Amino acid sequence: MEFLPEKRAAFLALFEQYKADIAAQPGCRNLKLAEDVTNTSNISTVSVWDGQQDLDAYRKSALFAQVWPATKALFAAPPTAHSHTVLWAS
C-alpha cells in the first residue's frame, strides 16, 4: 500500500489500534507490518491464514468493514493484494 507521506503516521496509528483484533480473527496465524527500505510510504501487511476461506471471512467481517475504509482514505495510489502458497519455510 502506498500512503500519502503526510498520512503515513495516521495509518501507523490505525494499524496499532486494530492489529490485535486483526491477528485474533479466526484462522489468522501471523500478522506482520513491513515498509519499503527506500520509500517508507510504501507499507505492506503480511498475514498467514489457515485457508482462503478464513481470509475471505475476515474480508466480510464487521472489523474489516471498519478498518478498510479508514485505510483506503490514506492511500496515495490504488493498493494491490497478493495471495501466496508457502512452498518452504524454516
C-alpha atoms as a PDB file:
ATOM      1  CA  MET A   1       0.000   0.000   0.000  1.00  0.00           C
ATOM      2  CA  GLU A   2       1.362   3.405  -0.874  1.00  0.00           C
ATOM      3  CA  PHE A   3       0.340   6.150   1.510  1.00  0.00           C
ATOM      4  CA  LEU A   4       0.430   9.870   1.124  1.00  0.00           C
ATOM      5  CA  PRO A   5       3.566  10.875   3.072  1.00  0.00           C
ATOM      6  CA  GLU A   6       1.551  13.133   5.348  1.00  0.00           C
ATOM      7  CA  LYS A   7      -0.869  10.234   6.055  1.00  0.00           C
ATOM      8  CA  ARG A   8       1.769   7.623   6.985  1.00  0.00           C
ATOM      9  CA  ALA A   9       1.603   8.360  10.712  1.00  0.00           C
ATOM     10  CA  ALA A  10      -2.198   8.160  10.626  1.00  0.00           C
ATOM     11  CA  PHE A  11      -2.013   4.705   9.051  1.00  0.00           C
ATOM     12  CA  LEU A  12       0.525   3.501  11.600  1.00  0.00           C
ATOM     13  CA  ALA A  13      -1.759   4.704  14.405  1.00  0.00           C
ATOM     14  CA  LEU A  14      -4.735   2.975  12.768  1.00  0.00           C
ATOM     15  CA  PHE A  15      -2.779  -0.270  12.437  1.00  0.00           C
ATOM     16  CA  GLU A  16      -1.655  -0.033  16.060  1.00  0.00           C
ATOM     17  CA  GLN A  17      -5.278   0.391  17.124  1.00  0.00           C
ATOM     18  CA  TYR A  18      -6.546  -2.668  15.237  1.00  0.00           C
ATOM     19  CA  LYS A  19      -3.586  -5.058  14.893  1.00  0.00           C
ATOM     20  CA  ALA A  20      -4.537  -7.234  17.868  1.00  0.00           C
ATOM     21  CA  ASP A  21      -8.131  -7.524  16.644  1.00  0.00           C
ATOM     22  CA  ILE A  22      -6.988  -8.453  13.136  1.00  0.00           C
ATOM     23  CA  ALA A  23      -4.474 -11.007  14.445  1.00  0.00           C
ATOM     24  CA  ALA A  24      -7.223 -12.526  16.628  1.00  0.00           C
ATOM     25  CA  GLN A  25      -9.505 -13.249  13.671  1.00  0.00           C
ATOM     26  CA  PRO A  26     -10.332 -16.950  13.237  1.00  0.00           C
ATOM     27  CA  GLY A  27      -7.711 -18.592  11.055  1.00  0.00           C
ATOM     28  CA  CYS A  28      -5.134 -15.788  11.266  1.00  0.00           C
ATOM     29  CA  ARG A  29      -1.833 -17.398  12.240  1.00  0.00           C
ATOM     30  CA  ASN A  30       0.519 -14.453  11.824  1.00  0.00           C
ATOM     31  CA  LEU A  31       0.341 -10.743  11.067  1.00  0.00           C
ATOM     32  CA  LYS A  32       3.285  -8.502  10.202  1.00  0.00           C
ATOM     33  CA  LEU A  33       3.760  -4.936   9.049  1.00  0.00           C
ATOM     34  CA  ALA A  34       6.669  -4.117   6.729  1.00  0.00           C
ATOM     35  CA  GLU A  35       7.856  -0.987   4.980  1.00  0.00           C
ATOM     36  CA  ASP A  36       9.927  -0.475   1.859  1.00  0.00           C
ATOM     37  CA  VAL A  37      13.535   0.333   2.789  1.00  0.00           C
ATOM     38  CA  THR A  38      13.776   3.106   0.193  1.00  0.00           C
ATOM     39  CA  ASN A  39      10.227   4.505   0.375  1.00  0.00           C
ATOM     40  CA  THR A  40       8.723   4.423   3.862  1.00  0.00           C
ATOM     41  CA  SER A  41       5.364   5.500   2.453  1.00  0.00           C
ATOM     42  CA  ASN A  42       5.124   2.031   0.865  1.00  0.00           C
ATOM     43  CA  ILE A  43       3.873  -0.284   3.617  1.00  0.00           C
ATOM     44  CA  SER A  44       2.656  -3.874   3.442  1.00  0.00           C
ATOM     45  CA  THR A  45       0.770  -6.121   5.770  1.00  0.00           C
ATOM     46  CA  VAL A  46       1.807  -9.753   5.587  1.00  0.00           C
ATOM     47  CA  SER A  47      -0.577 -12.258   7.095  1.00  0.00           C
ATOM     48  CA  VAL A  48      -0.736 -16.035   7.234  1.00  0.00           C
ATOM     49  CA  TRP A  49      -4.158 -17.660   7.280  1.00  0.00           C
ATOM     50  CA  ASP A  50      -5.228 -21.267   7.782  1.00  0.00           C
ATOM     51  CA  GLY A  51      -7.020 -21.084   4.452  1.00  0.00           C
ATOM     52  CA  GLN A  52      -8.530 -18.815   1.839  1.00  0.00           C
ATOM     53  CA  GLN A  53     -11.935 -19.256   3.478  1.00  0.00           C
ATOM     54  CA  ASP A  54     -10.585 -17.672   6.682  1.00  0.00           C
ATOM     55  CA  LEU A  55      -9.180 -14.678   4.810  1.00  0.00           C
ATOM     56  CA  ASP A  56     -12.440 -14.311   2.900  1.00  0.00           C
ATOM     57  CA  ALA A  57     -14.412 -14.435   6.164  1.00  0.00           C
ATOM     58  CA  TYR A  58     -12.232 -11.653   7.588  1.00  0.00           C
ATOM     59  CA  ARG A  59     -12.803  -9.571   4.454  1.00  0.00           C
ATOM     60  CA  LYS A  60     -16.568  -9.941   5.044  1.00  0.00           C
ATOM     61  CA  SER A  61     -16.354  -9.127   8.765  1.00  0.00           C
ATOM     62  CA  ALA A  62     -17.549  -6.028  10.609  1.00  0.00           C
ATOM     63  CA  LEU A  63     -13.936  -5.399  11.638  1.00  0.00           C
ATOM     64  CA  PHE A  64     -12.759  -5.243   8.017  1.00  0.00           C
ATOM     65  CA  ALA A  65     -15.727  -3.010   7.151  1.00  0.00           C
ATOM     66  CA  GLN A  66     -14.490  -0.590   9.794  1.00  0.00           C
ATOM     67  CA  VAL A  67     -10.731  -0.755   9.131  1.00  0.00           C
ATOM     68  CA  TRP A  68     -10.584  -0.874   5.329  1.00  0.00           C
ATOM     69  CA  PRO A  69     -12.440   2.377   4.511  1.00  0.00           C
ATOM     70  CA  ALA A  70     -10.308   4.250   7.054  1.00  0.00           C
ATOM     71  CA  THR A  71      -7.171   2.770   5.486  1.00  0.00           C
ATOM     72  CA  LYS A  72      -8.235   3.479   1.894  1.00  0.00           C
ATOM     73  CA  ALA A  73      -8.752   7.144   2.722  1.00  0.00           C
ATOM     74  CA  LEU A  74      -4.992   7.444   3.349  1.00  0.00           C
ATOM     75  CA  PHE A  75      -3.739   5.922   0.069  1.00  0.00           C
ATOM     76  CA  ALA A  76      -1.610   7.749  -2.465  1.00  0.00           C
ATOM     77  CA  ALA A  77      -2.243   5.027  -5.082  1.00  0.00           C
ATOM     78  CA  PRO A  78      -4.594   2.074  -5.520  1.00  0.00           C
ATOM     79  CA  PRO A  79      -3.472  -0.907  -3.411  1.00  0.00           C
ATOM     80  CA  THR A  80      -2.552  -4.336  -4.672  1.00  0.00           C
ATOM     81  CA  ALA A  81      -3.110  -7.628  -2.871  1.00  0.00           C
ATOM     82  CA  HIS A  82      -1.367 -10.929  -3.448  1.00  0.00           C
ATOM     83  CA  SER A  83      -2.064 -14.376  -2.050  1.00  0.00           C
ATOM     84  CA  HIS A  84       0.693 -16.946  -1.924  1.00  0.00           C
ATOM     85  CA  THR A  85       1.111 -20.622  -1.101  1.00  0.00           C
ATOM     86  CA  VAL A  86       4.179 -21.332   1.029  1.00  0.00           C
ATOM     87  CA  LEU A  87       6.471 -23.788  -0.705  1.00  0.00           C
ATOM     88  CA  TRP A  88       9.091 -23.880   2.036  1.00  0.00           C
ATOM     89  CA  ALA A  89       9.628 -22.349   5.469  1.00  0.00           C
ATOM     90  CA  SER A  90      12.034 -22.969   8.329  1.00  0.00           C
END
